[in-house]
Structure formats: structure tokens, C-alpha cells
PDB file of all heavy atoms in Angstrom:
ATOM      1  N   LEU A   1      -1.654   4.179   4.045  1.00  0.00           N
ATOM      2  CA  LEU A   1      -2.748   3.520   4.714  1.00  0.00           C
ATOM      3  C   LEU A   1      -3.538   4.482   5.578  1.00  0.00           C
ATOM      4  O   LEU A   1      -4.719   4.300   5.805  1.00  0.00           O
ATOM      5  CB  LEU A   1      -2.212   2.335   5.544  1.00  0.00           C
ATOM      6  CG  LEU A   1      -1.543   1.195   4.804  1.00  0.00           C
ATOM      7  CD1 LEU A   1      -1.013   0.152   5.751  1.00  0.00           C
ATOM      8  CD2 LEU A   1      -2.510   0.563   3.820  1.00  0.00           C
ATOM      9  N   ASN A   2      -2.864   5.516   6.115  1.00  0.00           N
ATOM     10  CA  ASN A   2      -3.526   6.442   7.009  1.00  0.00           C
ATOM     11  C   ASN A   2      -4.146   7.650   6.258  1.00  0.00           C
ATOM     12  O   ASN A   2      -4.665   8.534   6.879  1.00  0.00           O
ATOM     13  CB  ASN A   2      -2.523   6.975   8.037  1.00  0.00           C
ATOM     14  CG  ASN A   2      -3.212   7.569   9.253  1.00  0.00           C
ATOM     15  OD1 ASN A   2      -4.178   7.013   9.748  1.00  0.00           O
ATOM     16  ND2 ASN A   2      -2.700   8.670   9.725  1.00  0.00           N
ATOM     17  N   GLY A   3      -4.071   7.641   4.937  1.00  0.00           N
ATOM     18  CA  GLY A   3      -4.672   8.736   4.201  1.00  0.00           C
ATOM     19  C   GLY A   3      -3.840   9.963   4.108  1.00  0.00           C
ATOM     20  O   GLY A   3      -4.276  11.006   3.597  1.00  0.00           O
ATOM     21  N   GLU A   4      -2.566   9.934   4.583  1.00  0.00           N
ATOM     22  CA  GLU A   4      -1.694  11.082   4.522  1.00  0.00           C
ATOM     23  C   GLU A   4      -0.906  11.154   3.213  1.00  0.00           C
ATOM     24  O   GLU A   4      -0.216  12.162   2.952  1.00  0.00           O
ATOM     25  CB  GLU A   4      -0.731  11.072   5.695  1.00  0.00           C
ATOM     26  CG  GLU A   4      -1.415  11.227   7.069  1.00  0.00           C
ATOM     27  CD  GLU A   4      -0.400  11.402   8.174  1.00  0.00           C
ATOM     28  OE1 GLU A   4       0.550  12.203   7.990  1.00  0.00           O
ATOM     29  OE2 GLU A   4      -0.553  10.745   9.171  1.00  0.00           O
ATOM     30  N   ALA A   5      -0.997  10.129   2.383  1.00  0.00           N
ATOM     31  CA  ALA A   5      -0.356  10.123   1.075  1.00  0.00           C
ATOM     32  C   ALA A   5      -1.292   9.449   0.097  1.00  0.00           C
ATOM     33  O   ALA A   5      -2.111   8.584   0.438  1.00  0.00           O
ATOM     34  CB  ALA A   5       0.968   9.376   1.139  1.00  0.00           C
ATOM     35  N   ASP A   6      -1.180   9.857  -1.176  1.00  0.00           N
ATOM     36  CA  ASP A   6      -2.010   9.257  -2.234  1.00  0.00           C
ATOM     37  C   ASP A   6      -1.206   8.263  -3.072  1.00  0.00           C
ATOM     38  O   ASP A   6      -1.816   7.375  -3.665  1.00  0.00           O
ATOM     39  CB  ASP A   6      -2.518  10.350  -3.188  1.00  0.00           C
ATOM     40  CG  ASP A   6      -3.267  11.441  -2.446  1.00  0.00           C
ATOM     41  OD1 ASP A   6      -4.250  11.120  -1.785  1.00  0.00           O
ATOM     42  OD2 ASP A   6      -2.858  12.622  -2.544  1.00  0.00           O
ATOM     43  N   LEU A   7       0.112   8.418  -3.084  1.00  0.00           N
ATOM     44  CA  LEU A   7       0.957   7.625  -3.965  1.00  0.00           C
ATOM     45  C   LEU A   7       2.323   7.461  -3.321  1.00  0.00           C
ATOM     46  O   LEU A   7       2.895   8.427  -2.847  1.00  0.00           O
ATOM     47  CB  LEU A   7       1.080   8.367  -5.321  1.00  0.00           C
ATOM     48  CG  LEU A   7       1.998   7.787  -6.386  1.00  0.00           C
ATOM     49  CD1 LEU A   7       1.476   6.441  -6.882  1.00  0.00           C
ATOM     50  CD2 LEU A   7       2.110   8.781  -7.550  1.00  0.00           C
ATOM     51  N   ILE A   8       2.825   6.201  -3.315  1.00  0.00           N
ATOM     52  CA  ILE A   8       4.156   5.940  -2.771  1.00  0.00           C
ATOM     53  C   ILE A   8       4.895   5.000  -3.705  1.00  0.00           C
ATOM     54  O   ILE A   8       4.276   4.327  -4.590  1.00  0.00           O
ATOM     55  CB  ILE A   8       4.069   5.302  -1.354  1.00  0.00           C
ATOM     56  CG1 ILE A   8       3.340   3.972  -1.389  1.00  0.00           C
ATOM     57  CG2 ILE A   8       3.426   6.279  -0.397  1.00  0.00           C
ATOM     58  CD1 ILE A   8       3.358   3.231  -0.017  1.00  0.00           C
ATOM     59  N   GLU A   9       6.218   4.872  -3.563  1.00  0.00           N
ATOM     60  CA  GLU A   9       7.010   4.078  -4.452  1.00  0.00           C
ATOM     61  C   GLU A   9       7.954   3.156  -3.705  1.00  0.00           C
ATOM     62  O   GLU A   9       8.055   3.214  -2.491  1.00  0.00           O
ATOM     63  CB  GLU A   9       7.818   4.988  -5.393  1.00  0.00           C
ATOM     64  CG  GLU A   9       8.904   5.814  -4.654  1.00  0.00           C
ATOM     65  CD  GLU A   9       9.839   6.573  -5.593  1.00  0.00           C
ATOM     66  OE1 GLU A   9       9.756   6.360  -6.829  1.00  0.00           O
ATOM     67  OE2 GLU A   9      10.639   7.363  -5.092  1.00  0.00           O
ATOM     68  N   ARG A  10       8.645   2.268  -4.450  1.00  0.00           N
ATOM     69  CA  ARG A  10       9.699   1.370  -3.956  1.00  0.00           C
ATOM     70  C   ARG A  10       9.168   0.499  -2.826  1.00  0.00           C
ATOM     71  O   ARG A  10       9.766   0.411  -1.724  1.00  0.00           O
ATOM     72  CB  ARG A  10      10.893   2.176  -3.483  1.00  0.00           C
ATOM     73  CG  ARG A  10      11.590   2.933  -4.588  1.00  0.00           C
ATOM     74  CD  ARG A  10      12.572   2.088  -5.372  1.00  0.00           C
ATOM     75  NE  ARG A  10      13.295   2.831  -6.376  1.00  0.00           N
ATOM     76  CZ  ARG A  10      14.240   2.361  -7.159  1.00  0.00           C
ATOM     77  NH1 ARG A  10      14.604   1.093  -7.060  1.00  0.00           N
ATOM     78  NH2 ARG A  10      14.841   3.082  -8.046  1.00  0.00           N
ATOM     79  N   LEU A  11       8.085  -0.197  -3.080  1.00  0.00           N
ATOM     80  CA  LEU A  11       7.512  -1.117  -2.081  1.00  0.00           C
ATOM     81  C   LEU A  11       8.245  -2.437  -2.071  1.00  0.00           C
ATOM     82  O   LEU A  11       8.750  -2.894  -3.107  1.00  0.00           O
ATOM     83  CB  LEU A  11       6.022  -1.342  -2.356  1.00  0.00           C
ATOM     84  CG  LEU A  11       5.149  -0.108  -2.293  1.00  0.00           C
ATOM     85  CD1 LEU A  11       3.712  -0.481  -2.671  1.00  0.00           C
ATOM     86  CD2 LEU A  11       5.164   0.485  -0.885  1.00  0.00           C
ATOM     87  N   GLU A  12       8.259  -3.066  -0.903  1.00  0.00           N
ATOM     88  CA  GLU A  12       8.851  -4.400  -0.729  1.00  0.00           C
ATOM     89  C   GLU A  12       7.707  -5.421  -0.560  1.00  0.00           C
ATOM     90  O   GLU A  12       6.543  -5.049  -0.371  1.00  0.00           O
ATOM     91  CB  GLU A  12       9.788  -4.402   0.464  1.00  0.00           C
ATOM     92  CG  GLU A  12      10.939  -3.403   0.283  1.00  0.00           C
ATOM     93  CD  GLU A  12      11.857  -3.374   1.471  1.00  0.00           C
ATOM     94  OE1 GLU A  12      11.684  -4.189   2.410  1.00  0.00           O
ATOM     95  OE2 GLU A  12      12.770  -2.512   1.511  1.00  0.00           O
ATOM     96  N   ALA A  13       8.084  -6.699  -0.586  1.00  0.00           N
ATOM     97  CA  ALA A  13       7.088  -7.780  -0.616  1.00  0.00           C
ATOM     98  C   ALA A  13       6.122  -7.714   0.578  1.00  0.00           C
ATOM     99  O   ALA A  13       4.916  -7.863   0.415  1.00  0.00           O
ATOM    100  CB  ALA A  13       7.795  -9.118  -0.636  1.00  0.00           C
ATOM    101  N   GLU A  14       6.657  -7.455   1.796  1.00  0.00           N
ATOM    102  CA  GLU A  14       5.770  -7.430   2.967  1.00  0.00           C
ATOM    103  C   GLU A  14       4.796  -6.282   2.900  1.00  0.00           C
ATOM    104  O   GLU A  14       3.627  -6.427   3.293  1.00  0.00           O
ATOM    105  CB  GLU A  14       6.632  -7.252   4.222  1.00  0.00           C
ATOM    106  CG  GLU A  14       7.581  -8.428   4.532  1.00  0.00           C
ATOM    107  CD  GLU A  14       8.923  -8.227   3.871  1.00  0.00           C
ATOM    108  OE1 GLU A  14       9.051  -7.331   3.004  1.00  0.00           O
ATOM    109  OE2 GLU A  14       9.864  -8.946   4.223  1.00  0.00           O
ATOM    110  N   GLN A  15       5.219  -5.149   2.378  1.00  0.00           N
ATOM    111  CA  GLN A  15       4.335  -3.996   2.274  1.00  0.00           C
ATOM    112  C   GLN A  15       3.279  -4.224   1.180  1.00  0.00           C
ATOM    113  O   GLN A  15       2.134  -3.811   1.360  1.00  0.00           O
ATOM    114  CB  GLN A  15       5.151  -2.730   1.973  1.00  0.00           C
ATOM    115  CG  GLN A  15       6.081  -2.371   3.109  1.00  0.00           C
ATOM    116  CD  GLN A  15       7.397  -1.786   2.642  1.00  0.00           C
ATOM    117  OE1 GLN A  15       7.594  -1.534   1.476  1.00  0.00           O
ATOM    118  NE2 GLN A  15       8.307  -1.577   3.612  1.00  0.00           N
ATOM    119  N   VAL A  16       3.677  -4.886   0.107  1.00  0.00           N
ATOM    120  CA  VAL A  16       2.740  -5.248  -0.943  1.00  0.00           C
ATOM    121  C   VAL A  16       1.624  -6.146  -0.370  1.00  0.00           C
ATOM    122  O   VAL A  16       0.423  -5.939  -0.604  1.00  0.00           O
ATOM    123  CB  VAL A  16       3.427  -5.931  -2.113  1.00  0.00           C
ATOM    124  CG1 VAL A  16       2.418  -6.582  -3.071  1.00  0.00           C
ATOM    125  CG2 VAL A  16       4.294  -4.935  -2.883  1.00  0.00           C
ATOM    126  N   GLU A  17       2.038  -7.117   0.433  1.00  0.00           N
ATOM    127  CA  GLU A  17       1.063  -8.039   1.025  1.00  0.00           C
ATOM    128  C   GLU A  17       0.103  -7.308   1.963  1.00  0.00           C
ATOM    129  O   GLU A  17      -1.123  -7.539   1.925  1.00  0.00           O
ATOM    130  CB  GLU A  17       1.813  -9.132   1.789  1.00  0.00           C
ATOM    131  CG  GLU A  17       0.883 -10.189   2.390  1.00  0.00           C
ATOM    132  CD  GLU A  17       1.635 -11.260   3.155  1.00  0.00           C
ATOM    133  OE1 GLU A  17       2.913 -11.148   3.211  1.00  0.00           O
ATOM    134  OE2 GLU A  17       1.019 -12.183   3.673  1.00  0.00           O
ATOM    135  N   THR A  18       0.651  -6.385   2.723  1.00  0.00           N
ATOM    136  CA  THR A  18      -0.207  -5.614   3.640  1.00  0.00           C
ATOM    137  C   THR A  18      -1.225  -4.778   2.875  1.00  0.00           C
ATOM    138  O   THR A  18      -2.413  -4.758   3.208  1.00  0.00           O
ATOM    139  CB  THR A  18       0.648  -4.688   4.516  1.00  0.00           C
ATOM    140  OG1 THR A  18       1.485  -5.508   5.349  1.00  0.00           O
ATOM    141  CG2 THR A  18      -0.212  -3.789   5.374  1.00  0.00           C
ATOM    142  N   ILE A  19      -0.799  -4.097   1.830  1.00  0.00           N
ATOM    143  CA  ILE A  19      -1.690  -3.244   1.068  1.00  0.00           C
ATOM    144  C   ILE A  19      -2.750  -4.083   0.368  1.00  0.00           C
ATOM    145  O   ILE A  19      -3.921  -3.713   0.297  1.00  0.00           O
ATOM    146  CB  ILE A  19      -0.876  -2.398   0.068  1.00  0.00           C
ATOM    147  CG1 ILE A  19      -0.048  -1.366   0.807  1.00  0.00           C
ATOM    148  CG2 ILE A  19      -1.786  -1.720  -0.964  1.00  0.00           C
ATOM    149  CD1 ILE A  19       0.941  -0.602  -0.050  1.00  0.00           C
ATOM    150  N   GLU A  20      -2.349  -5.238  -0.173  1.00  0.00           N
ATOM    151  CA  GLU A  20      -3.301  -6.116  -0.836  1.00  0.00           C
ATOM    152  C   GLU A  20      -4.394  -6.595   0.119  1.00  0.00           C
ATOM    153  O   GLU A  20      -5.579  -6.658  -0.250  1.00  0.00           O
ATOM    154  CB  GLU A  20      -2.580  -7.299  -1.477  1.00  0.00           C
ATOM    155  CG  GLU A  20      -1.764  -6.940  -2.708  1.00  0.00           C
ATOM    156  CD  GLU A  20      -0.983  -8.119  -3.238  1.00  0.00           C
ATOM    157  OE1 GLU A  20      -0.675  -9.063  -2.460  1.00  0.00           O
ATOM    158  OE2 GLU A  20      -0.686  -8.142  -4.448  1.00  0.00           O
ATOM    159  N   LYS A  21      -4.017  -6.915   1.342  1.00  0.00           N
ATOM    160  CA  LYS A  21      -4.978  -7.437   2.321  1.00  0.00           C
ATOM    161  C   LYS A  21      -5.850  -6.359   2.918  1.00  0.00           C
ATOM    162  O   LYS A  21      -6.949  -6.612   3.429  1.00  0.00           O
ATOM    163  CB  LYS A  21      -4.255  -8.199   3.435  1.00  0.00           C
ATOM    164  CG  LYS A  21      -3.642  -9.509   2.926  1.00  0.00           C
ATOM    165  CD  LYS A  21      -2.953 -10.268   4.049  1.00  0.00           C
ATOM    166  CE  LYS A  21      -2.423 -11.595   3.576  1.00  0.00           C
ATOM    167  NZ  LYS A  21      -1.713 -12.352   4.640  1.00  0.00           N
ATOM    168  N   THR A  22      -5.363  -5.105   2.872  1.00  0.00           N
ATOM    169  CA  THR A  22      -6.111  -4.013   3.461  1.00  0.00           C
ATOM    170  C   THR A  22      -7.337  -3.653   2.642  1.00  0.00           C
ATOM    171  O   THR A  22      -8.416  -3.438   3.169  1.00  0.00           O
ATOM    172  CB  THR A  22      -5.198  -2.791   3.624  1.00  0.00           C
ATOM    173  OG1 THR A  22      -4.109  -3.133   4.473  1.00  0.00           O
ATOM    174  CG2 THR A  22      -5.954  -1.615   4.229  1.00  0.00           C
ATOM    175  N   GLY A  23      -7.176  -3.536   1.353  1.00  0.00           N
ATOM    176  CA  GLY A  23      -8.258  -3.112   0.492  1.00  0.00           C
ATOM    177  C   GLY A  23      -8.362  -1.586   0.428  1.00  0.00           C
ATOM    178  O   GLY A  23      -7.905  -0.885   1.341  1.00  0.00           O
ATOM    179  N   GLY A  24      -8.921  -1.081  -0.664  1.00  0.00           N
ATOM    180  CA  GLY A  24      -9.074   0.354  -0.832  1.00  0.00           C
ATOM    181  C   GLY A  24      -7.875   0.999  -1.509  1.00  0.00           C
ATOM    182  O   GLY A  24      -7.788   2.244  -1.569  1.00  0.00           O
ATOM    183  N   PHE A  25      -6.947   0.169  -2.012  1.00  0.00           N
ATOM    184  CA  PHE A  25      -5.711   0.678  -2.611  1.00  0.00           C
ATOM    185  C   PHE A  25      -5.404  -0.085  -3.893  1.00  0.00           C
ATOM    186  O   PHE A  25      -5.927  -1.185  -4.111  1.00  0.00           O
ATOM    187  CB  PHE A  25      -4.552   0.554  -1.630  1.00  0.00           C
ATOM    188  CG  PHE A  25      -4.766   1.287  -0.343  1.00  0.00           C
ATOM    189  CD1 PHE A  25      -5.253   0.623   0.778  1.00  0.00           C
ATOM    190  CD2 PHE A  25      -4.501   2.661  -0.244  1.00  0.00           C
ATOM    191  CE1 PHE A  25      -5.484   1.283   1.950  1.00  0.00           C
ATOM    192  CE2 PHE A  25      -4.726   3.334   0.923  1.00  0.00           C
ATOM    193  CZ  PHE A  25      -5.233   2.663   2.045  1.00  0.00           C
ATOM    194  N   GLN A  26      -4.572   0.519  -4.710  1.00  0.00           N
ATOM    195  CA  GLN A  26      -4.138  -0.109  -5.966  1.00  0.00           C
ATOM    196  C   GLN A  26      -2.608  -0.316  -5.897  1.00  0.00           C
ATOM    197  O   GLN A  26      -1.903   0.457  -5.240  1.00  0.00           O
ATOM    198  CB  GLN A  26      -4.445   0.779  -7.163  1.00  0.00           C
ATOM    199  CG  GLN A  26      -5.867   1.302  -7.249  1.00  0.00           C
ATOM    200  CD  GLN A  26      -5.944   2.432  -8.252  1.00  0.00           C
ATOM    201  OE1 GLN A  26      -5.601   2.223  -9.423  1.00  0.00           O
ATOM    202  NE2 GLN A  26      -6.405   3.595  -7.815  1.00  0.00           N
ATOM    203  N   LEU A  27      -2.144  -1.325  -6.629  1.00  0.00           N
ATOM    204  CA  LEU A  27      -0.708  -1.553  -6.777  1.00  0.00           C
ATOM    205  C   LEU A  27      -0.357  -1.530  -8.263  1.00  0.00           C
ATOM    206  O   LEU A  27      -1.074  -2.093  -9.081  1.00  0.00           O
ATOM    207  CB  LEU A  27      -0.303  -2.905  -6.173  1.00  0.00           C
ATOM    208  CG  LEU A  27      -0.355  -2.969  -4.654  1.00  0.00           C
ATOM    209  CD1 LEU A  27      -0.240  -4.432  -4.186  1.00  0.00           C
ATOM    210  CD2 LEU A  27       0.777  -2.161  -4.027  1.00  0.00           C
TER     211      LEU A  27
END
């Protein structure tokens, strides 16, 4: 989310929800 990484793995439900609501990212 802070732009220090381009790709991450092993996400959990809460993190998926956060990324979906943030925008600017893909899952």
C-alpha cells in the first residue's frame, strides 16, 4: 500500500478487503 513493494503473497481475508477498498491494486 505504501509503494515499497509491487507484489506480495499469502494474503488473508482482512488484507484482501483492505486492498479491494483502497483501489489502485490488483488481486
